Amino acid sequence: MSRMSSGWLELSSCRPRCHRVHRRTTKFIKFPHSPQDVQQTQLDFFRLAQFPKVVAAIDGTHVQINGVALGDVEHLYVNRKGFYSINVQLTCNAKYQITSVSARWPGSTHDSRILRTSAVGRGFEAGLLNGLMLGDSGYGLKPWLMTPKLLPATQAERRYNQAHSCTRVVIEQVNGQLKCKFRCLLGSGLHMLPERASDVITACACLHNISKRLNQPEVEVPQALFQEEAEEHEEGADAVSGRQVRDDLINDYFA
């Protein structure tokens, strides 16, 4: 058994240790803020598929919870696939490191709502974060969040979609790596109350980043594991300005 695997066995059976890792989240999970970090992150993403200005890829993934009494809010934890879960929002950089995690929302919560209320979403809306994020069609288009072009009609739009897909796939792979490394997040999931499940998920995200720093090898991730069906997106009031930013990108970089 690997050092990381044995460490997780101890973590899963010892709540105080899980909380100690959780409390140090900001040490292990950091979104790029400084001009230097933003520039380096954008360069790393650009090297993947020549998509400019990207500082993060974003996606939601569901972690199943079972065997606990949820009381009056039970219905909120039933996701669109019919099982109880926590909808976990993750962002990552091009090096497969998690740069933010929000693991406190019931499974029925829409991805767009989680983003809107998360620290990352609020940071972009307030102008405190720079660059672009890439999300799937489950997110509403925003000036700082680029989604695929539906029904691309030109060669430039198709090139944009191809570069978008090849860049954003990193977050899907991160979701798969996280669940393959910490098998408690797979299958029937976590048999604990949502509050503790949130702590465990966040601790796993921290340990994922630690494993990246230690250059630990990843197990092969099955293709089906990191591809989740996108929700129907919620059109926001800033979709018009988002479309303008996307059109400018297409014309400036992919035409």
C-alpha atoms as a PDB file:
ATOM      1  CA  MET A   1       0.000   0.000   0.000  1.00  0.00           C
ATOM      2  CA  SER A   2       1.344   3.427  -0.919  1.00  0.00           C
ATOM      3  CA  ARG A   3       2.151   6.092   1.666  1.00  0.00           C
ATOM      4  CA  MET A   4      -0.736   8.234   0.389  1.00  0.00           C
ATOM      5  CA  SER A   5      -3.190   5.306   0.543  1.00  0.00           C
ATOM      6  CA  SER A   6      -2.232   4.374   4.097  1.00  0.00           C
ATOM      7  CA  GLY A   7      -2.455   8.022   5.100  1.00  0.00           C
ATOM      8  CA  TRP A   8      -6.003   8.210   3.769  1.00  0.00           C
ATOM      9  CA  LEU A   9      -7.016   5.121   5.768  1.00  0.00           C
ATOM     10  CA  GLU A  10      -5.942   6.957   8.899  1.00  0.00           C
ATOM     11  CA  LEU A  11      -7.667  10.140   7.750  1.00  0.00           C
ATOM     12  CA  SER A  12     -10.982   8.447   7.076  1.00  0.00           C
ATOM     13  CA  SER A  13     -11.048   6.882  10.546  1.00  0.00           C
ATOM     14  CA  CYS A  14      -9.928   9.932  12.498  1.00  0.00           C
ATOM     15  CA  ARG A  15     -12.109  13.021  12.328  1.00  0.00           C
ATOM     16  CA  PRO A  16      -9.696  15.370  14.154  1.00  0.00           C
ATOM     17  CA  ARG A  17      -6.980  14.659  11.572  1.00  0.00           C
ATOM     18  CA  CYS A  18      -9.434  15.402   8.759  1.00  0.00           C
ATOM     19  CA  HIS A  19     -10.256  18.742  10.359  1.00  0.00           C
ATOM     20  CA  ARG A  20      -6.562  19.566  10.728  1.00  0.00           C
ATOM     21  CA  VAL A  21      -6.083  19.110   6.982  1.00  0.00           C
ATOM     22  CA  HIS A  22      -9.306  21.001   6.220  1.00  0.00           C
ATOM     23  CA  ARG A  23      -8.261  23.978   8.335  1.00  0.00           C
ATOM     24  CA  ARG A  24      -5.091  24.326   6.252  1.00  0.00           C
ATOM     25  CA  THR A  25      -6.969  24.435   2.946  1.00  0.00           C
ATOM     26  CA  THR A  26      -5.654  27.865   1.996  1.00  0.00           C
ATOM     27  CA  LYS A  27      -2.091  26.590   2.303  1.00  0.00           C
ATOM     28  CA  PHE A  28      -2.614  23.763  -0.175  1.00  0.00           C
ATOM     29  CA  ILE A  29      -5.332  25.162  -2.476  1.00  0.00           C
ATOM     30  CA  LYS A  30      -4.694  28.593  -3.988  1.00  0.00           C
ATOM     31  CA  PHE A  31      -6.269  30.455  -6.897  1.00  0.00           C
ATOM     32  CA  PRO A  32      -3.788  32.577  -8.907  1.00  0.00           C
ATOM     33  CA  HIS A  33      -3.926  36.179  -7.670  1.00  0.00           C
ATOM     34  CA  SER A  34      -0.592  37.884  -8.199  1.00  0.00           C
ATOM     35  CA  PRO A  35       0.298  39.173 -11.689  1.00  0.00           C
ATOM     36  CA  GLN A  36       3.162  36.680 -11.827  1.00  0.00           C
ATOM     37  CA  ASP A  37       0.959  33.705 -10.920  1.00  0.00           C
ATOM     38  CA  VAL A  38      -1.763  34.791 -13.345  1.00  0.00           C
ATOM     39  CA  GLN A  39       0.721  35.206 -16.197  1.00  0.00           C
ATOM     40  CA  GLN A  40       2.371  31.826 -15.550  1.00  0.00           C
ATOM     41  CA  THR A  41      -0.987  30.044 -15.286  1.00  0.00           C
ATOM     42  CA  GLN A  42      -2.186  31.606 -18.538  1.00  0.00           C
ATOM     43  CA  LEU A  43       1.018  30.522 -20.264  1.00  0.00           C
ATOM     44  CA  ASP A  44       0.641  26.951 -18.959  1.00  0.00           C
ATOM     45  CA  PHE A  45      -2.915  26.755 -20.282  1.00  0.00           C
ATOM     46  CA  PHE A  46      -1.977  28.364 -23.605  1.00  0.00           C
ATOM     47  CA  ARG A  47       0.598  25.624 -24.192  1.00  0.00           C
ATOM     48  CA  LEU A  48      -2.157  22.999 -24.121  1.00  0.00           C
ATOM     49  CA  ALA A  49      -4.210  24.183 -27.106  1.00  0.00           C
ATOM     50  CA  GLN A  50      -3.384  27.873 -27.702  1.00  0.00           C
ATOM     51  CA  PHE A  51      -6.433  29.176 -25.842  1.00  0.00           C
ATOM     52  CA  PRO A  52      -5.483  32.603 -24.439  1.00  0.00           C
ATOM     53  CA  LYS A  53      -5.949  34.260 -21.054  1.00  0.00           C
ATOM     54  CA  VAL A  54      -7.147  31.149 -19.160  1.00  0.00           C
ATOM     55  CA  VAL A  55      -6.465  31.035 -15.418  1.00  0.00           C
ATOM     56  CA  ALA A  56      -8.732  28.091 -14.503  1.00  0.00           C
ATOM     57  CA  ALA A  57     -11.010  25.360 -15.780  1.00  0.00           C
ATOM     58  CA  ILE A  58     -14.170  24.747 -13.748  1.00  0.00           C
ATOM     59  CA  ASP A  59     -16.596  21.860 -13.335  1.00  0.00           C
ATOM     60  CA  GLY A  60     -18.951  20.270 -10.851  1.00  0.00           C
ATOM     61  CA  THR A  61     -18.795  16.647  -9.769  1.00  0.00           C
ATOM     62  CA  HIS A  62     -21.183  14.695  -7.533  1.00  0.00           C
ATOM     63  CA  VAL A  63     -20.052  12.739  -4.485  1.00  0.00           C
ATOM     64  CA  GLN A  64     -22.706  10.334  -3.284  1.00  0.00           C
ATOM     65  CA  ILE A  65     -23.793  10.278   0.367  1.00  0.00           C
ATOM     66  CA  ASN A  66     -25.704   7.393   1.931  1.00  0.00           C
ATOM     67  CA  GLY A  67     -26.860   5.903   5.180  1.00  0.00           C
ATOM     68  CA  VAL A  68     -27.565   9.110   7.101  1.00  0.00           C
ATOM     69  CA  ALA A  69     -30.741  10.913   8.149  1.00  0.00           C
ATOM     70  CA  LEU A  70     -31.100  14.174   6.241  1.00  0.00           C
ATOM     71  CA  GLY A  71     -34.356  15.286   7.833  1.00  0.00           C
ATOM     72  CA  ASP A  72     -36.492  17.986   6.254  1.00  0.00           C
ATOM     73  CA  VAL A  73     -33.866  18.860   3.641  1.00  0.00           C
ATOM     74  CA  GLU A  74     -33.560  15.309   2.304  1.00  0.00           C
ATOM     75  CA  HIS A  75     -35.139  16.215  -1.038  1.00  0.00           C
ATOM     76  CA  LEU A  76     -32.471  18.847  -1.676  1.00  0.00           C
ATOM     77  CA  TYR A  77     -29.756  16.185  -1.795  1.00  0.00           C
ATOM     78  CA  VAL A  78     -31.408  14.189  -4.605  1.00  0.00           C
ATOM     79  CA  ASN A  79     -29.568  15.138  -7.788  1.00  0.00           C
ATOM     80  CA  ARG A  80     -30.851  14.951 -11.371  1.00  0.00           C
ATOM     81  CA  LYS A  81     -29.680  11.336 -11.633  1.00  0.00           C
ATOM     82  CA  GLY A  82     -31.804  10.340  -8.651  1.00  0.00           C
ATOM     83  CA  PHE A  83     -29.254   9.643  -5.926  1.00  0.00           C
ATOM     84  CA  TYR A  84     -28.224  11.583  -2.817  1.00  0.00           C
ATOM     85  CA  SER A  85     -25.093  13.636  -3.292  1.00  0.00           C
ATOM     86  CA  ILE A  86     -23.068  16.739  -2.639  1.00  0.00           C
ATOM     87  CA  ASN A  87     -22.380  18.810  -5.754  1.00  0.00           C
ATOM     88  CA  VAL A  88     -18.694  19.718  -5.572  1.00  0.00           C
ATOM     89  CA  GLN A  89     -17.318  22.656  -7.555  1.00  0.00           C
ATOM     90  CA  LEU A  90     -13.644  22.429  -8.468  1.00  0.00           C
ATOM     91  CA  THR A  91     -11.300  24.661 -10.426  1.00  0.00           C
ATOM     92  CA  CYS A  92      -7.831  23.671 -11.513  1.00  0.00           C
ATOM     93  CA  ASN A  93      -4.751  24.901 -13.341  1.00  0.00           C
ATOM     94  CA  ALA A  94      -2.997  23.325 -16.316  1.00  0.00           C
ATOM     95  CA  LYS A  95      -0.770  21.284 -13.980  1.00  0.00           C
ATOM     96  CA  TYR A  96      -3.770  19.327 -12.639  1.00  0.00           C
ATOM     97  CA  GLN A  97      -3.646  21.112  -9.301  1.00  0.00           C
ATOM     98  CA  ILE A  98      -6.927  22.094  -7.654  1.00  0.00           C
ATOM     99  CA  THR A  99      -7.106  25.868  -7.212  1.00  0.00           C
ATOM    100  CA  SER A 100     -10.481  26.120  -5.441  1.00  0.00           C
ATOM    101  CA  VAL A 101     -13.070  23.777  -3.972  1.00  0.00           C
ATOM    102  CA  SER A 102     -16.648  24.314  -2.804  1.00  0.00           C
ATOM    103  CA  ALA A 103     -18.094  21.153  -1.289  1.00  0.00           C
ATOM    104  CA  ARG A 104     -21.075  22.305   0.769  1.00  0.00           C
ATOM    105  CA  TRP A 105     -24.024  22.272  -1.666  1.00  0.00           C
ATOM    106  CA  PRO A 106     -26.766  19.598  -1.883  1.00  0.00           C
ATOM    107  CA  GLY A 107     -26.890  17.553  -5.067  1.00  0.00           C
ATOM    108  CA  SER A 108     -29.920  19.324  -6.532  1.00  0.00           C
ATOM    109  CA  THR A 109     -28.117  22.689  -6.562  1.00  0.00           C
ATOM    110  CA  HIS A 110     -27.366  23.989 -10.056  1.00  0.00           C
ATOM    111  CA  ASP A 111     -23.713  24.474 -11.010  1.00  0.00           C
ATOM    112  CA  SER A 112     -24.404  28.115 -11.887  1.00  0.00           C
ATOM    113  CA  ARG A 113     -25.733  28.862  -8.407  1.00  0.00           C
ATOM    114  CA  ILE A 114     -22.714  27.288  -6.751  1.00  0.00           C
ATOM    115  CA  LEU A 115     -20.416  29.408  -8.911  1.00  0.00           C
ATOM    116  CA  ARG A 116     -22.395  32.563  -8.224  1.00  0.00           C
ATOM    117  CA  THR A 117     -22.064  32.159  -4.449  1.00  0.00           C
ATOM    118  CA  SER A 118     -18.526  30.769  -4.342  1.00  0.00           C
ATOM    119  CA  ALA A 119     -15.443  32.792  -3.467  1.00  0.00           C
ATOM    120  CA  VAL A 120     -14.170  32.424  -7.034  1.00  0.00           C
ATOM    121  CA  GLY A 121     -17.424  33.624  -8.585  1.00  0.00           C
ATOM    122  CA  ARG A 122     -17.665  36.571  -6.220  1.00  0.00           C
ATOM    123  CA  GLY A 123     -14.017  37.417  -6.853  1.00  0.00           C
ATOM    124  CA  PHE A 124     -14.500  37.625 -10.607  1.00  0.00           C
ATOM    125  CA  GLU A 125     -17.724  39.598 -10.277  1.00  0.00           C
ATOM    126  CA  ALA A 126     -15.986  42.110  -7.993  1.00  0.00           C
ATOM    127  CA  GLY A 127     -13.053  42.477 -10.369  1.00  0.00           C
ATOM    128  CA  LEU A 128     -10.620  41.024  -7.847  1.00  0.00           C
ATOM    129  CA  LEU A 129      -9.602  38.124 -10.106  1.00  0.00           C
ATOM    130  CA  ASN A 130      -8.139  38.444 -13.582  1.00  0.00           C
ATOM    131  CA  GLY A 131      -8.234  36.253 -16.668  1.00  0.00           C
ATOM    132  CA  LEU A 132     -10.766  33.773 -18.016  1.00  0.00           C
ATOM    133  CA  MET A 133     -12.233  30.529 -16.778  1.00  0.00           C
ATOM    134  CA  LEU A 134     -13.447  27.751 -19.064  1.00  0.00           C
ATOM    135  CA  GLY A 135     -16.650  25.870 -18.268  1.00  0.00           C
ATOM    136  CA  ASP A 136     -18.947  23.457 -20.074  1.00  0.00           C
ATOM    137  CA  SER A 137     -22.369  24.299 -21.450  1.00  0.00           C
ATOM    138  CA  GLY A 138     -23.878  23.830 -17.996  1.00  0.00           C
ATOM    139  CA  TYR A 139     -22.625  27.297 -17.092  1.00  0.00           C
ATOM    140  CA  GLY A 140     -23.981  30.605 -18.280  1.00  0.00           C
ATOM    141  CA  LEU A 141     -21.668  32.652 -20.479  1.00  0.00           C
ATOM    142  CA  LYS A 142     -19.983  35.546 -18.655  1.00  0.00           C
ATOM    143  CA  PRO A 143     -17.277  38.061 -19.562  1.00  0.00           C
ATOM    144  CA  TRP A 144     -14.872  36.023 -17.433  1.00  0.00           C
ATOM    145  CA  LEU A 145     -16.317  32.534 -18.084  1.00  0.00           C
ATOM    146  CA  MET A 146     -16.134  31.141 -21.598  1.00  0.00           C
ATOM    147  CA  THR A 147     -18.386  28.268 -22.666  1.00  0.00           C
ATOM    148  CA  PRO A 148     -18.490  26.316 -25.958  1.00  0.00           C
ATOM    149  CA  LYS A 149     -20.107  27.867 -29.006  1.00  0.00           C
ATOM    150  CA  LEU A 150     -23.343  26.006 -29.686  1.00  0.00           C
ATOM    151  CA  LEU A 151     -23.835  25.057 -33.349  1.00  0.00           C
ATOM    152  CA  PRO A 152     -20.583  26.600 -34.625  1.00  0.00           C
ATOM    153  CA  ALA A 153     -21.092  27.961 -38.109  1.00  0.00           C
ATOM    154  CA  THR A 154     -17.589  29.045 -39.151  1.00  0.00           C
ATOM    155  CA  GLN A 155     -14.130  27.525 -39.215  1.00  0.00           C
ATOM    156  CA  ALA A 156     -13.025  30.015 -36.554  1.00  0.00           C
ATOM    157  CA  GLU A 157     -15.876  28.976 -34.238  1.00  0.00           C
ATOM    158  CA  ARG A 158     -14.978  25.323 -34.714  1.00  0.00           C
ATOM    159  CA  ARG A 159     -11.340  26.061 -33.903  1.00  0.00           C
ATOM    160  CA  TYR A 160     -12.480  27.935 -30.802  1.00  0.00           C
ATOM    161  CA  ASN A 161     -14.566  24.947 -29.662  1.00  0.00           C
ATOM    162  CA  GLN A 162     -11.694  22.538 -30.309  1.00  0.00           C
ATOM    163  CA  ALA A 163      -9.237  24.632 -28.307  1.00  0.00           C
ATOM    164  CA  HIS A 164     -11.845  25.111 -25.560  1.00  0.00           C
ATOM    165  CA  SER A 165     -12.442  21.360 -25.290  1.00  0.00           C
ATOM    166  CA  CYS A 166      -8.747  20.433 -25.328  1.00  0.00           C
ATOM    167  CA  THR A 167      -8.050  22.986 -22.601  1.00  0.00           C
ATOM    168  CA  ARG A 168     -11.069  22.417 -20.373  1.00  0.00           C
ATOM    169  CA  VAL A 169     -10.585  18.632 -20.344  1.00  0.00           C
ATOM    170  CA  VAL A 170      -7.972  19.141 -17.617  1.00  0.00           C
ATOM    171  CA  ILE A 171     -10.682  19.680 -14.982  1.00  0.00           C
ATOM    172  CA  GLU A 172     -12.502  16.524 -16.068  1.00  0.00           C
ATOM    173  CA  GLN A 173      -9.267  14.605 -15.655  1.00  0.00           C
ATOM    174  CA  VAL A 174      -8.709  16.183 -12.240  1.00  0.00           C
ATOM    175  CA  ASN A 175     -12.169  15.013 -11.161  1.00  0.00           C
ATOM    176  CA  GLY A 176     -11.276  11.493 -12.245  1.00  0.00           C
ATOM    177  CA  GLN A 177      -7.859  11.541 -10.608  1.00  0.00           C
ATOM    178  CA  LEU A 178      -9.310  12.797  -7.334  1.00  0.00           C
ATOM    179  CA  LYS A 179     -11.912  10.029  -7.177  1.00  0.00           C
ATOM    180  CA  CYS A 180      -9.489   7.306  -8.269  1.00  0.00           C
ATOM    181  CA  LYS A 181      -6.959   8.324  -5.637  1.00  0.00           C
ATOM    182  CA  PHE A 182      -9.558   8.601  -2.867  1.00  0.00           C
ATOM    183  CA  ARG A 183     -11.974   5.753  -3.467  1.00  0.00           C
ATOM    184  CA  CYS A 184     -14.279   6.894  -0.685  1.00  0.00           C
ATOM    185  CA  LEU A 185     -15.525   9.488  -3.215  1.00  0.00           C
ATOM    186  CA  LEU A 186     -16.508   6.764  -5.693  1.00  0.00           C
ATOM    187  CA  GLY A 187     -19.375   4.285  -5.771  1.00  0.00           C
ATOM    188  CA  SER A 188     -21.755   4.564  -2.832  1.00  0.00           C
ATOM    189  CA  GLY A 189     -19.638   7.453  -1.599  1.00  0.00           C
ATOM    190  CA  LEU A 190     -19.538   8.797   1.938  1.00  0.00           C
ATOM    191  CA  HIS A 191     -21.649   7.352   4.753  1.00  0.00           C
ATOM    192  CA  MET A 192     -21.709  10.458   6.907  1.00  0.00           C
ATOM    193  CA  LEU A 193     -23.625  13.669   7.447  1.00  0.00           C
ATOM    194  CA  PRO A 194     -23.136  16.378   4.794  1.00  0.00           C
ATOM    195  CA  GLU A 195     -21.162  18.669   7.109  1.00  0.00           C
ATOM    196  CA  ARG A 196     -18.533  16.023   7.774  1.00  0.00           C
ATOM    197  CA  ALA A 197     -18.645  14.826   4.153  1.00  0.00           C
ATOM    198  CA  SER A 198     -17.786  18.372   3.085  1.00  0.00           C
ATOM    199  CA  ASP A 199     -14.721  18.335   5.350  1.00  0.00           C
ATOM    200  CA  VAL A 200     -13.591  14.979   3.968  1.00  0.00           C
ATOM    201  CA  ILE A 201     -14.000  16.075   0.330  1.00  0.00           C
ATOM    202  CA  THR A 202     -12.028  19.263   0.977  1.00  0.00           C
ATOM    203  CA  ALA A 203      -9.325  17.312   2.795  1.00  0.00           C
ATOM    204  CA  CYS A 204      -9.090  14.955  -0.196  1.00  0.00           C
ATOM    205  CA  ALA A 205      -8.646  17.964  -2.485  1.00  0.00           C
ATOM    206  CA  CYS A 206      -5.775  19.182  -0.276  1.00  0.00           C
ATOM    207  CA  LEU A 207      -4.140  15.748  -0.314  1.00  0.00           C
ATOM    208  CA  HIS A 208      -4.549  15.625  -4.099  1.00  0.00           C
ATOM    209  CA  ASN A 209      -2.465  18.788  -4.388  1.00  0.00           C
ATOM    210  CA  ILE A 210       0.115  17.457  -1.948  1.00  0.00           C
ATOM    211  CA  SER A 211       0.455  14.347  -4.096  1.00  0.00           C
ATOM    212  CA  LYS A 212       1.054  16.578  -7.129  1.00  0.00           C
ATOM    213  CA  ARG A 213       3.813  18.436  -5.294  1.00  0.00           C
ATOM    214  CA  LEU A 214       5.400  15.083  -4.415  1.00  0.00           C
ATOM    215  CA  ASN A 215       5.124  13.965  -8.076  1.00  0.00           C
ATOM    216  CA  GLN A 216       3.261  10.828  -7.128  1.00  0.00           C
ATOM    217  CA  PRO A 217       2.154   8.774 -10.147  1.00  0.00           C
ATOM    218  CA  GLU A 218      -1.525   8.734 -11.077  1.00  0.00           C
ATOM    219  CA  VAL A 219      -3.519   5.579 -11.675  1.00  0.00           C
ATOM    220  CA  GLU A 220      -5.221   5.295 -15.055  1.00  0.00           C
ATOM    221  CA  VAL A 221      -8.583   7.049 -15.011  1.00  0.00           C
ATOM    222  CA  PRO A 222     -11.398   5.322 -16.969  1.00  0.00           C
ATOM    223  CA  GLN A 223     -12.796   7.600 -19.667  1.00  0.00           C
ATOM    224  CA  ALA A 224     -16.361   7.287 -18.366  1.00  0.00           C
ATOM    225  CA  LEU A 225     -15.349   8.410 -14.886  1.00  0.00           C
ATOM    226  CA  PHE A 226     -14.405  11.994 -15.712  1.00  0.00           C
ATOM    227  CA  GLN A 227     -17.160  12.733 -18.204  1.00  0.00           C
ATOM    228  CA  GLU A 228     -20.333  13.934 -16.507  1.00  0.00           C
ATOM    229  CA  GLU A 229     -23.365  15.130 -18.385  1.00  0.00           C
ATOM    230  CA  ALA A 230     -23.636  18.907 -18.358  1.00  0.00           C
ATOM    231  CA  GLU A 231     -26.700  20.506 -16.842  1.00  0.00           C
ATOM    232  CA  GLU A 232     -28.842  22.884 -18.842  1.00  0.00           C
ATOM    233  CA  HIS A 233     -27.331  26.298 -18.232  1.00  0.00           C
ATOM    234  CA  GLU A 234     -29.014  29.279 -16.652  1.00  0.00           C
ATOM    235  CA  GLU A 235     -28.759  32.395 -18.854  1.00  0.00           C
ATOM    236  CA  GLY A 236     -27.476  35.301 -16.779  1.00  0.00           C
ATOM    237  CA  ALA A 237     -27.952  39.016 -17.229  1.00  0.00           C
ATOM    238  CA  ASP A 238     -24.320  39.381 -18.311  1.00  0.00           C
ATOM    239  CA  ALA A 239     -24.605  36.848 -21.157  1.00  0.00           C
ATOM    240  CA  VAL A 240     -24.624  39.661 -23.731  1.00  0.00           C
ATOM    241  CA  SER A 241     -21.251  41.017 -22.601  1.00  0.00           C
ATOM    242  CA  GLY A 242     -20.006  37.433 -22.329  1.00  0.00           C
ATOM    243  CA  ARG A 243     -20.934  36.803 -25.954  1.00  0.00           C
ATOM    244  CA  GLN A 244     -19.036  39.928 -26.958  1.00  0.00           C
ATOM    245  CA  VAL A 245     -15.898  38.714 -25.182  1.00  0.00           C
ATOM    246  CA  ARG A 246     -16.250  35.284 -26.790  1.00  0.00           C
ATOM    247  CA  ASP A 247     -16.806  36.746 -30.271  1.00  0.00           C
ATOM    248  CA  ASP A 248     -13.730  38.946 -29.835  1.00  0.00           C
ATOM    249  CA  LEU A 249     -11.670  35.909 -28.828  1.00  0.00           C
ATOM    250  CA  ILE A 250     -12.860  33.979 -31.862  1.00  0.00           C
ATOM    251  CA  ASN A 251     -12.059  36.841 -34.208  1.00  0.00           C
ATOM    252  CA  ASP A 252      -8.709  37.750 -32.644  1.00  0.00           C
ATOM    253  CA  TYR A 253      -7.256  34.290 -31.985  1.00  0.00           C
ATOM    254  CA  PHE A 254      -9.103  31.669 -34.046  1.00  0.00           C
ATOM    255  CA  ALA A 255     -10.090  33.374 -37.307  1.00  0.00           C
END
